[in-house]
């Protein structure tokens, strides 16, 4: 099964080797048929502490690295 890749915005870089990424999705409401924005925050592993708050990044699924971290930051060149 392929690993998922998501795009989002870094909202926190306070943890060591960790960034919190906010990913927004748009869905169609089942009853109202209106487009609704939903967001979710993911903790991602950032080995070199290279990303700061406000950066747009891509994250990829990985094996669990801690209780909350199951995502890694994709390098900028990929």
Protein backbone atom coordinates (compact mmCIF):
# COMPACT_ATOMS: atom_id res chain seq x y z
CA UNK A 1 0.00 0.00 0.00
CA UNK A 2 1.47 3.40 -0.94
CA UNK A 3 2.29 5.93 1.74
CA UNK A 4 0.09 9.00 1.91
CA UNK A 5 1.60 12.43 1.23
CA UNK A 6 -0.11 15.54 2.63
CA UNK A 7 0.58 19.25 2.21
CA UNK A 8 0.16 21.70 5.04
CA UNK A 9 1.42 24.68 7.00
CA UNK A 10 3.77 24.49 9.99
CA UNK A 11 1.93 25.94 13.01
CA UNK A 12 4.50 25.05 15.69
CA UNK A 13 8.20 24.19 15.79
CA UNK A 14 8.75 24.32 19.55
CA UNK A 15 9.53 20.60 20.01
CA UNK A 16 13.01 19.21 19.33
CA UNK A 17 13.00 17.46 15.91
CA UNK A 18 9.21 17.87 15.75
CA UNK A 19 6.90 20.19 13.83
CA UNK A 20 3.13 20.45 14.03
CA UNK A 21 1.54 20.69 10.59
CA UNK A 22 -2.01 21.90 9.91
CA UNK A 23 -3.56 20.19 6.89
CA UNK A 24 -6.78 21.64 5.44
CA UNK A 25 -9.25 19.64 3.37
CA UNK A 26 -12.46 20.63 1.61
CA UNK A 27 -15.45 18.31 1.77
CA UNK A 28 -19.02 18.51 0.53
CA UNK A 29 -21.56 18.56 3.37
CA UNK A 30 -23.85 15.53 2.90
CA UNK A 31 -27.12 17.34 3.66
CA UNK A 32 -26.51 21.00 2.83
CA UNK A 33 -24.38 20.31 -0.28
CA UNK A 34 -22.09 23.13 0.76
CA UNK A 35 -18.29 23.06 0.64
CA UNK A 36 -16.85 22.93 4.14
CA UNK A 37 -13.20 23.34 5.16
CA UNK A 38 -11.88 20.89 7.74
CA UNK A 39 -8.42 20.96 9.25
CA UNK A 40 -6.34 18.53 11.26
CA UNK A 41 -2.98 18.88 12.98
CA UNK A 42 -0.27 16.25 12.54
CA UNK A 43 2.99 15.89 14.48
CA UNK A 44 5.82 15.23 12.03
CA UNK A 45 9.48 14.30 12.48
CA UNK A 46 11.94 17.00 11.34
CA UNK A 47 15.43 15.52 11.80
CA UNK A 48 17.42 18.74 11.25
CA UNK A 49 14.98 21.28 12.75
CA UNK A 50 14.99 22.89 9.30
CA UNK A 51 11.37 24.14 9.16
CA UNK A 52 9.91 27.10 11.02
CA UNK A 53 6.40 28.36 11.74
CA UNK A 54 4.64 29.51 8.56
CA UNK A 55 6.51 27.22 6.15
CA UNK A 56 4.45 25.24 3.63
CA UNK A 57 5.69 21.63 3.66
CA UNK A 58 4.80 18.10 2.59
CA UNK A 59 4.68 15.17 5.01
CA UNK A 60 4.69 11.41 4.39
CA UNK A 61 3.52 8.48 6.50
CA UNK A 62 6.15 6.45 8.34
CA UNK A 63 6.46 3.91 11.13
CA UNK A 64 5.65 5.37 14.57
CA UNK A 65 8.57 7.37 16.01
CA UNK A 66 6.80 8.29 19.27
CA UNK A 67 3.32 8.39 20.78
CA UNK A 68 2.12 11.15 18.44
CA UNK A 69 4.62 11.14 15.56
CA UNK A 70 3.77 8.85 12.64
CA UNK A 71 4.69 11.31 9.87
CA UNK A 72 8.00 12.60 8.47
CA UNK A 73 8.77 15.84 6.66
CA UNK A 74 9.64 15.36 2.98
CA UNK A 75 12.82 17.21 1.92
CA UNK A 76 12.20 20.27 -0.27
CA UNK A 77 13.76 18.73 -3.38
CA UNK A 78 11.31 15.79 -3.57
